[in-house]
Amino acid sequence: MLKEFKEFAMKGNLVDIAVGFVMGAAFKEVVTSFTGGIVSPIIGLIFESDFKSLRMKLKEGTLNDTGEMVGEVYLEYGTFLTNVIDFLIVAFVMFLVVKGVNKLKKKEEEAPAAPAGPTAEELLAEIRDALKK
């Protein structure tokens, strides 16, 4: 059973998936920092506010004994929009990667085939001509 598991785990596709998963996780961090550090501030300039702090109050809170507001409920659509932008960036880059890989595969398939040998008819004609001699 251990031998079968080792063969399964070492198959090329599974290793490729694992490498892709790790690279994808690292890439997501890059995209998140890009969105949070560059895209969000630019959009914040447009809306004249911090993009991540965009939210709508759904429920008023009450003051407790220490003077703090408790029980407020917010719809944080700025965080959601930031995550949607992250997703779109990752999806677009993955699209470009898949498109590039498919283009490379297509070039491999278009490689010239080995020259074909004589056809069966040509061979039979040669045998017939040799027998006539």
Protein backbone atom coordinates (compact mmCIF):
# COMPACT_ATOMS: atom_id res chain seq x y z
CA MET A 1 0.00 0.00 0.00
CA LEU A 2 2.86 2.37 0.81
CA LYS A 3 4.46 1.61 -2.57
CA GLU A 4 1.20 2.36 -4.39
CA PHE A 5 0.83 5.64 -2.51
CA LYS A 6 4.40 6.63 -3.39
CA GLU A 7 3.75 5.90 -7.09
CA PHE A 8 0.53 7.92 -6.94
CA ALA A 9 2.19 10.85 -5.16
CA MET A 10 5.11 10.95 -7.58
CA LYS A 11 3.03 11.01 -10.75
CA GLY A 12 3.88 14.04 -12.84
CA ASN A 13 0.42 15.57 -12.77
CA LEU A 14 0.12 15.49 -9.00
CA VAL A 15 3.53 17.08 -8.52
CA ASP A 16 2.65 19.73 -11.13
CA ILE A 17 -0.57 20.49 -9.28
CA ALA A 18 1.28 20.83 -5.98
CA VAL A 19 3.85 23.20 -7.51
CA GLY A 20 1.06 25.21 -9.15
CA PHE A 21 -0.81 25.43 -5.85
CA VAL A 22 2.22 26.75 -3.97
CA MET A 23 3.02 29.25 -6.74
CA GLY A 24 -0.63 30.32 -6.85
CA ALA A 25 -0.66 30.97 -3.10
CA ALA A 26 2.50 33.07 -3.39
CA PHE A 27 1.10 34.91 -6.42
CA LYS A 28 -2.10 35.69 -4.52
CA GLU A 29 -0.02 37.47 -1.88
CA VAL A 30 1.64 39.57 -4.58
CA VAL A 31 -1.74 40.45 -6.09
CA THR A 32 -3.19 41.27 -2.67
CA SER A 33 -0.33 43.66 -1.92
CA PHE A 34 -0.66 45.18 -5.41
CA THR A 35 -4.38 45.72 -4.94
CA GLY A 36 -4.07 47.01 -1.38
CA GLY A 37 -1.03 49.19 -1.98
CA ILE A 38 -1.57 50.52 -5.49
CA VAL A 39 -5.08 49.90 -6.87
CA SER A 40 -7.05 50.73 -3.71
CA PRO A 41 -5.36 54.08 -3.12
CA ILE A 42 -5.93 55.09 -6.75
CA ILE A 43 -9.60 54.15 -6.52
CA GLY A 44 -9.67 55.90 -3.13
CA LEU A 45 -8.51 59.10 -4.83
CA ILE A 46 -11.36 58.79 -7.29
CA PHE A 47 -13.95 58.27 -4.52
CA GLU A 48 -12.07 60.61 -2.15
CA SER A 49 -11.96 58.00 0.61
CA ASP A 50 -10.05 54.91 1.67
CA PHE A 51 -11.39 52.21 -0.62
CA LYS A 52 -11.20 49.47 2.02
CA SER A 53 -13.11 51.57 4.51
CA LEU A 54 -16.17 51.89 2.25
CA ARG A 55 -19.05 50.51 4.26
CA MET A 56 -22.70 51.08 4.99
CA LYS A 57 -24.15 51.07 8.49
CA LEU A 58 -27.03 48.62 8.75
CA LYS A 59 -27.74 48.88 12.46
CA GLU A 60 -27.10 51.62 15.02
CA GLY A 61 -25.28 50.61 18.14
CA THR A 62 -25.72 51.63 21.72
CA LEU A 63 -23.32 53.15 24.20
CA ASN A 64 -22.17 50.84 26.98
CA ASP A 65 -21.11 51.86 30.51
CA THR A 66 -17.58 52.80 29.36
CA GLY A 67 -18.86 55.05 26.59
CA GLU A 68 -18.00 52.66 23.74
CA MET A 69 -20.40 52.04 20.88
CA VAL A 70 -21.45 48.38 20.71
CA GLY A 71 -23.82 46.44 18.48
CA GLU A 72 -23.19 48.36 15.26
CA VAL A 73 -23.53 46.29 12.10
CA TYR A 74 -21.84 47.30 8.85
CA LEU A 75 -21.97 46.07 5.27
CA GLU A 76 -18.29 46.28 4.29
CA TYR A 77 -18.54 46.45 0.52
CA GLY A 78 -15.12 48.10 0.12
CA THR A 79 -13.38 44.93 1.37
CA PHE A 80 -15.58 42.84 -0.91
CA LEU A 81 -14.75 45.00 -3.94
CA THR A 82 -11.04 44.76 -3.12
CA ASN A 83 -11.31 40.97 -3.06
CA VAL A 84 -13.22 40.99 -6.37
CA ILE A 85 -10.42 43.06 -7.93
CA ASP A 86 -7.87 40.57 -6.53
CA PHE A 87 -9.82 37.72 -8.10
CA LEU A 88 -10.07 39.43 -11.47
CA ILE A 89 -6.33 40.11 -11.56
CA VAL A 90 -5.49 36.49 -10.65
CA ALA A 91 -8.03 35.15 -13.16
CA PHE A 92 -6.65 37.36 -15.94
CA VAL A 93 -3.05 36.32 -15.25
CA MET A 94 -4.06 32.63 -15.15
CA PHE A 95 -5.86 33.15 -18.47
CA LEU A 96 -2.66 34.57 -19.96
CA VAL A 97 -0.60 31.67 -18.56
CA VAL A 98 -2.98 29.04 -19.97
CA LYS A 99 -3.10 30.86 -23.30
CA GLY A 100 0.72 30.91 -23.42
CA VAL A 101 0.99 27.21 -22.56
CA ASN A 102 -1.58 26.33 -25.22
CA LYS A 103 0.35 28.40 -27.77
CA LEU A 104 3.56 26.52 -26.90
CA LYS A 105 1.77 23.17 -27.20
CA LYS A 106 0.38 24.20 -30.58
CA LYS A 107 3.90 25.00 -31.84
CA GLU A 108 5.08 21.57 -30.70
CA GLU A 109 2.22 19.91 -32.58
CA GLU A 110 2.98 21.91 -35.74
CA ALA A 111 6.56 20.64 -35.87
CA PRO A 112 7.22 19.05 -39.27
CA ALA A 113 6.61 15.33 -39.38
CA ALA A 114 9.28 12.91 -40.52
CA PRO A 115 9.25 12.44 -44.28
CA ALA A 116 6.93 9.64 -45.26
CA GLY A 117 8.40 6.58 -46.92
CA PRO A 118 7.14 5.09 -50.15
CA THR A 119 3.48 4.20 -50.27
CA ALA A 120 2.24 0.64 -50.60
CA GLU A 121 1.39 1.23 -54.28
CA GLU A 122 4.93 2.44 -55.00
CA LEU A 123 6.42 -0.62 -53.27
CA LEU A 124 4.17 -2.97 -55.22
CA ALA A 125 5.13 -1.23 -58.46
CA GLU A 126 8.83 -1.69 -57.64
CA ILE A 127 8.30 -5.38 -56.87
CA ARG A 128 6.36 -5.83 -60.13
CA ASP A 129 9.11 -4.11 -62.10
CA ALA A 130 11.78 -6.23 -60.39
CA LEU A 131 9.90 -9.43 -61.22
CA LYS A 132 9.61 -8.41 -64.90
CA LYS A 133 13.39 -8.22 -65.17
